[in-house]
Amino acid sequence: MCGPDEIPNVVLWKCLEQLIDYLTHLFRGVFALNTYCPGWQVFTTAVIQKPAKPCYEIPKAYRPIALLCTIPKVLTAIVTENISHMVEKDALLPDMHFGGRPGQTMTDAIHYLVGQIKSAWGKKKVASVLFLDVEGPSQMRSLTGSYTISRSEEYQPPMSSSSNGC
């Protein structure tokens, strides 16, 4: 599946040597002109079934997948890598921030948490922890200014064989 530009990711992988100079000029132009191609903000949402759900007549049985244009995905990856490098180089995040950092895993976060709890216990103190599981379309909040092209005419949901709805 491809995004609205209909360029498969494999094209960039296979033709990178031939495209690198063009992409470099294009991406430099984006920053030099402080502009972003409006067509790059368009994406297609494909809705796929989650495996092994008992009922496919409820919305939670499906997973929306945003199919983005290929070229801006490369630009986004480069910018993300550069920002991540600068944040780590300049130590802009506290040591106990584990999410989205290179070389930091959930295991590191658990070890840190266990260490803090044991330290509190060693001082005869109580340790309290609050875990939040925020559910919702957080990825959609980051798409302000973007819009979805629905290709609903291409999508045919599976027909349920049950007569009672599930």
C-alpha atoms as a PDB file:
ATOM      1  CA  MET A   1       0.000   0.000   0.000  1.00  0.00           C
ATOM      2  CA  CYS A   2       1.130   3.517  -0.744  1.00  0.00           C
ATOM      3  CA  GLY A   3       0.173   7.000   0.315  1.00  0.00           C
ATOM      4  CA  PRO A   4      -1.491   9.546  -1.968  1.00  0.00           C
ATOM      5  CA  ASP A   5       1.740  10.075  -3.949  1.00  0.00           C
ATOM      6  CA  GLU A   6       1.627   6.359  -4.888  1.00  0.00           C
ATOM      7  CA  ILE A   7       5.395   6.016  -4.413  1.00  0.00           C
ATOM      8  CA  PRO A   8       6.217   2.771  -2.603  1.00  0.00           C
ATOM      9  CA  ASN A   9       8.939   3.000   0.050  1.00  0.00           C
ATOM     10  CA  VAL A  10      10.929   0.388  -1.844  1.00  0.00           C
ATOM     11  CA  VAL A  11      11.512   2.893  -4.663  1.00  0.00           C
ATOM     12  CA  LEU A  12      13.584   5.079  -2.343  1.00  0.00           C
ATOM     13  CA  TRP A  13      15.515   2.103  -1.013  1.00  0.00           C
ATOM     14  CA  LYS A  14      16.309   0.724  -4.454  1.00  0.00           C
ATOM     15  CA  CYS A  15      16.999   4.093  -6.138  1.00  0.00           C
ATOM     16  CA  LEU A  16      18.617   6.003  -3.277  1.00  0.00           C
ATOM     17  CA  GLU A  17      21.915   6.454  -5.108  1.00  0.00           C
ATOM     18  CA  GLN A  18      20.147   8.055  -8.070  1.00  0.00           C
ATOM     19  CA  LEU A  19      17.817  10.183  -5.894  1.00  0.00           C
ATOM     20  CA  ILE A  20      20.062  11.381  -3.065  1.00  0.00           C
ATOM     21  CA  ASP A  21      21.245  14.583  -4.776  1.00  0.00           C
ATOM     22  CA  TYR A  22      17.693  15.538  -5.786  1.00  0.00           C
ATOM     23  CA  LEU A  23      16.332  14.839  -2.315  1.00  0.00           C
ATOM     24  CA  THR A  24      19.151  16.834  -0.719  1.00  0.00           C
ATOM     25  CA  HIS A  25      18.349  19.902  -2.868  1.00  0.00           C
ATOM     26  CA  LEU A  26      14.631  19.460  -2.250  1.00  0.00           C
ATOM     27  CA  PHE A  27      15.004  19.199   1.522  1.00  0.00           C
ATOM     28  CA  ARG A  28      17.417  22.148   1.688  1.00  0.00           C
ATOM     29  CA  GLY A  29      14.880  24.161  -0.273  1.00  0.00           C
ATOM     30  CA  VAL A  30      12.155  23.310   2.242  1.00  0.00           C
ATOM     31  CA  PHE A  31      14.219  24.919   5.004  1.00  0.00           C
ATOM     32  CA  ALA A  32      15.714  27.759   2.945  1.00  0.00           C
ATOM     33  CA  LEU A  33      12.280  28.857   1.721  1.00  0.00           C
ATOM     34  CA  ASN A  34      10.553  27.998   5.012  1.00  0.00           C
ATOM     35  CA  THR A  35       7.848  26.129   3.129  1.00  0.00           C
ATOM     36  CA  TYR A  36       6.248  22.708   3.073  1.00  0.00           C
ATOM     37  CA  CYS A  37       4.473  21.249   0.075  1.00  0.00           C
ATOM     38  CA  PRO A  38       0.720  21.155   0.825  1.00  0.00           C
ATOM     39  CA  GLY A  39       0.456  17.812  -0.969  1.00  0.00           C
ATOM     40  CA  TRP A  40       2.780  16.314   1.637  1.00  0.00           C
ATOM     41  CA  GLN A  41       0.169  16.923   4.316  1.00  0.00           C
ATOM     42  CA  VAL A  42      -2.359  14.688   2.586  1.00  0.00           C
ATOM     43  CA  PHE A  43      -2.629  11.094   3.700  1.00  0.00           C
ATOM     44  CA  THR A  44      -4.876   8.155   3.084  1.00  0.00           C
ATOM     45  CA  THR A  45      -6.356   6.225   5.966  1.00  0.00           C
ATOM     46  CA  ALA A  46      -6.645   2.495   5.467  1.00  0.00           C
ATOM     47  CA  VAL A  47      -8.790   0.623   7.950  1.00  0.00           C
ATOM     48  CA  ILE A  48      -7.735  -2.943   8.664  1.00  0.00           C
ATOM     49  CA  GLN A  49      -9.137  -5.614  10.947  1.00  0.00           C
ATOM     50  CA  LYS A  50      -7.363  -6.394  14.188  1.00  0.00           C
ATOM     51  CA  PRO A  51      -6.650 -10.121  14.293  1.00  0.00           C
ATOM     52  CA  ALA A  52      -8.809 -12.538  16.267  1.00  0.00           C
ATOM     53  CA  LYS A  53     -11.570 -10.164  17.324  1.00  0.00           C
ATOM     54  CA  PRO A  54     -14.861 -11.887  18.164  1.00  0.00           C
ATOM     55  CA  CYS A  55     -16.994  -9.246  16.483  1.00  0.00           C
ATOM     56  CA  TYR A  56     -16.121  -7.055  13.529  1.00  0.00           C
ATOM     57  CA  GLU A  57     -19.210  -4.878  13.841  1.00  0.00           C
ATOM     58  CA  ILE A  58     -17.694  -2.640  16.527  1.00  0.00           C
ATOM     59  CA  PRO A  59     -15.177   0.127  15.747  1.00  0.00           C
ATOM     60  CA  LYS A  60     -12.511  -1.159  18.180  1.00  0.00           C
ATOM     61  CA  ALA A  61     -12.139  -4.273  16.024  1.00  0.00           C
ATOM     62  CA  TYR A  62     -10.396  -2.179  13.382  1.00  0.00           C
ATOM     63  CA  ARG A  63      -7.091  -0.327  13.245  1.00  0.00           C
ATOM     64  CA  PRO A  64      -6.718   2.858  11.195  1.00  0.00           C
ATOM     65  CA  ILE A  65      -3.397   3.080   9.367  1.00  0.00           C
ATOM     66  CA  ALA A  66      -2.257   6.427   7.954  1.00  0.00           C
ATOM     67  CA  LEU A  67      -0.544   6.016   4.591  1.00  0.00           C
ATOM     68  CA  LEU A  68       1.708   9.030   4.178  1.00  0.00           C
ATOM     69  CA  CYS A  69       3.493  10.397   1.147  1.00  0.00           C
ATOM     70  CA  THR A  70       6.930   8.806   0.820  1.00  0.00           C
ATOM     71  CA  ILE A  71       9.205  11.834   0.311  1.00  0.00           C
ATOM     72  CA  PRO A  72       8.114  13.744   3.450  1.00  0.00           C
ATOM     73  CA  LYS A  73       8.565  10.571   5.533  1.00  0.00           C
ATOM     74  CA  VAL A  74      12.257  10.711   4.650  1.00  0.00           C
ATOM     75  CA  LEU A  75      12.453  14.397   5.573  1.00  0.00           C
ATOM     76  CA  THR A  76      10.657  13.742   8.858  1.00  0.00           C
ATOM     77  CA  ALA A  77      13.034  10.897   9.703  1.00  0.00           C
ATOM     78  CA  ILE A  78      16.073  13.110   9.040  1.00  0.00           C
ATOM     79  CA  VAL A  79      14.701  15.983  11.145  1.00  0.00           C
ATOM     80  CA  THR A  80      13.742  13.590  13.956  1.00  0.00           C
ATOM     81  CA  GLU A  81      17.223  12.073  13.960  1.00  0.00           C
ATOM     82  CA  ASN A  82      18.855  15.514  14.075  1.00  0.00           C
ATOM     83  CA  ILE A  83      16.643  16.750  16.908  1.00  0.00           C
ATOM     84  CA  SER A  84      17.207  13.543  18.874  1.00  0.00           C
ATOM     85  CA  HIS A  85      20.973  13.898  18.424  1.00  0.00           C
ATOM     86  CA  MET A  86      20.946  17.554  19.589  1.00  0.00           C
ATOM     87  CA  VAL A  87      18.744  16.780  22.592  1.00  0.00           C
ATOM     88  CA  GLU A  88      21.074  13.977  23.698  1.00  0.00           C
ATOM     89  CA  LYS A  89      24.290  15.916  22.930  1.00  0.00           C
ATOM     90  CA  ASP A  90      23.153  18.951  24.949  1.00  0.00           C
ATOM     91  CA  ALA A  91      21.540  16.835  27.723  1.00  0.00           C
ATOM     92  CA  LEU A  92      18.201  18.620  27.411  1.00  0.00           C
ATOM     93  CA  LEU A  93      16.183  15.794  28.954  1.00  0.00           C
ATOM     94  CA  PRO A  94      16.440  14.582  32.535  1.00  0.00           C
ATOM     95  CA  ASP A  95      18.130  11.217  33.100  1.00  0.00           C
ATOM     96  CA  MET A  96      14.843   9.677  34.207  1.00  0.00           C
ATOM     97  CA  HIS A  97      13.120  10.479  30.910  1.00  0.00           C
ATOM     98  CA  PHE A  98      13.046   7.181  29.023  1.00  0.00           C
ATOM     99  CA  GLY A  99      10.434   7.522  26.286  1.00  0.00           C
ATOM    100  CA  GLY A 100      11.515   7.968  22.694  1.00  0.00           C
ATOM    101  CA  ARG A 101      15.216   8.138  23.457  1.00  0.00           C
ATOM    102  CA  PRO A 102      17.894   6.112  21.712  1.00  0.00           C
ATOM    103  CA  GLY A 103      19.404   3.477  23.971  1.00  0.00           C
ATOM    104  CA  GLN A 104      16.614   3.802  26.556  1.00  0.00           C
ATOM    105  CA  THR A 105      14.221   0.908  26.996  1.00  0.00           C
ATOM    106  CA  MET A 106      11.267  -0.030  29.146  1.00  0.00           C
ATOM    107  CA  THR A 107      13.672  -2.236  31.092  1.00  0.00           C
ATOM    108  CA  ASP A 108      15.757   0.841  31.953  1.00  0.00           C
ATOM    109  CA  ALA A 109      12.634   2.619  33.199  1.00  0.00           C
ATOM    110  CA  ILE A 110      11.660  -0.375  35.356  1.00  0.00           C
ATOM    111  CA  HIS A 111      15.174  -0.626  36.833  1.00  0.00           C
ATOM    112  CA  TYR A 112      15.073   3.086  37.656  1.00  0.00           C
ATOM    113  CA  LEU A 113      11.639   2.744  39.260  1.00  0.00           C
ATOM    114  CA  VAL A 114      12.669  -0.306  41.321  1.00  0.00           C
ATOM    115  CA  GLY A 115      15.814   1.535  42.429  1.00  0.00           C
ATOM    116  CA  GLN A 116      13.778   4.520  43.602  1.00  0.00           C
ATOM    117  CA  ILE A 117      11.350   2.275  45.511  1.00  0.00           C
ATOM    118  CA  LYS A 118      14.155   0.313  47.190  1.00  0.00           C
ATOM    119  CA  SER A 119      15.902   3.570  48.099  1.00  0.00           C
ATOM    120  CA  ALA A 120      12.712   4.852  49.756  1.00  0.00           C
ATOM    121  CA  TRP A 121      12.221   1.572  51.610  1.00  0.00           C
ATOM    122  CA  GLY A 122      15.860   1.690  52.769  1.00  0.00           C
ATOM    123  CA  LYS A 123      15.081   5.050  54.388  1.00  0.00           C
ATOM    124  CA  LYS A 124      11.909   3.608  55.988  1.00  0.00           C
ATOM    125  CA  LYS A 125       9.741   5.746  53.695  1.00  0.00           C
ATOM    126  CA  VAL A 126       6.702   4.861  51.626  1.00  0.00           C
ATOM    127  CA  ALA A 127       6.942   4.866  47.849  1.00  0.00           C
ATOM    128  CA  SER A 128       3.878   5.785  45.804  1.00  0.00           C
ATOM    129  CA  VAL A 129       3.545   5.401  42.063  1.00  0.00           C
ATOM    130  CA  LEU A 130       0.871   6.708  39.715  1.00  0.00           C
ATOM    131  CA  PHE A 131       0.510   4.966  36.351  1.00  0.00           C
ATOM    132  CA  LEU A 132      -1.632   6.579  33.678  1.00  0.00           C
ATOM    133  CA  ASP A 133      -2.941   4.747  30.666  1.00  0.00           C
ATOM    134  CA  VAL A 134      -4.208   7.499  28.406  1.00  0.00           C
ATOM    135  CA  GLU A 135      -6.334   6.140  25.600  1.00  0.00           C
ATOM    136  CA  GLY A 136      -7.280   8.124  22.574  1.00  0.00           C
ATOM    137  CA  PRO A 137      -6.177   9.242  19.167  1.00  0.00           C
ATOM    138  CA  SER A 138      -3.021  11.064  20.287  1.00  0.00           C
ATOM    139  CA  GLN A 139      -1.548  10.667  16.820  1.00  0.00           C
ATOM    140  CA  MET A 140      -4.502  12.585  15.412  1.00  0.00           C
ATOM    141  CA  ARG A 141      -3.801  15.601  17.652  1.00  0.00           C
ATOM    142  CA  SER A 142      -0.392  15.953  15.987  1.00  0.00           C
ATOM    143  CA  LEU A 143      -1.949  16.204  12.532  1.00  0.00           C
ATOM    144  CA  THR A 144      -3.382  19.706  12.931  1.00  0.00           C
ATOM    145  CA  GLY A 145      -3.709  21.285   9.537  1.00  0.00           C
ATOM    146  CA  SER A 146      -3.698  17.946   7.782  1.00  0.00           C
ATOM    147  CA  TYR A 147      -6.697  16.237   6.383  1.00  0.00           C
ATOM    148  CA  THR A 148      -7.735  12.776   5.395  1.00  0.00           C
ATOM    149  CA  ILE A 149      -8.662  11.689   1.928  1.00  0.00           C
ATOM    150  CA  SER A 150     -11.093   8.902   2.465  1.00  0.00           C
ATOM    151  CA  ARG A 151     -10.957   6.142  -0.058  1.00  0.00           C
ATOM    152  CA  SER A 152     -14.084   4.541   1.290  1.00  0.00           C
ATOM    153  CA  GLU A 153     -15.166   3.438  -2.165  1.00  0.00           C
ATOM    154  CA  GLU A 154     -12.087   1.177  -2.231  1.00  0.00           C
ATOM    155  CA  TYR A 155     -12.704  -0.295   1.222  1.00  0.00           C
ATOM    156  CA  GLN A 156     -15.212  -3.091   1.618  1.00  0.00           C
ATOM    157  CA  PRO A 157     -15.718  -4.204   5.237  1.00  0.00           C
ATOM    158  CA  PRO A 158     -16.164  -7.919   5.764  1.00  0.00           C
ATOM    159  CA  MET A 159     -19.733  -9.065   6.040  1.00  0.00           C
ATOM    160  CA  SER A 160     -20.743 -10.648   9.330  1.00  0.00           C
ATOM    161  CA  SER A 161     -22.322 -14.057   9.125  1.00  0.00           C
ATOM    162  CA  SER A 162     -24.178 -13.663  12.415  1.00  0.00           C
ATOM    163  CA  SER A 163     -27.691 -12.329  12.562  1.00  0.00           C
ATOM    164  CA  ASN A 164     -27.601 -10.916  16.101  1.00  0.00           C
ATOM    165  CA  GLY A 165     -24.838  -8.345  15.421  1.00  0.00           C
ATOM    166  CA  CYS A 166     -21.889 -10.321  16.833  1.00  0.00           C
END
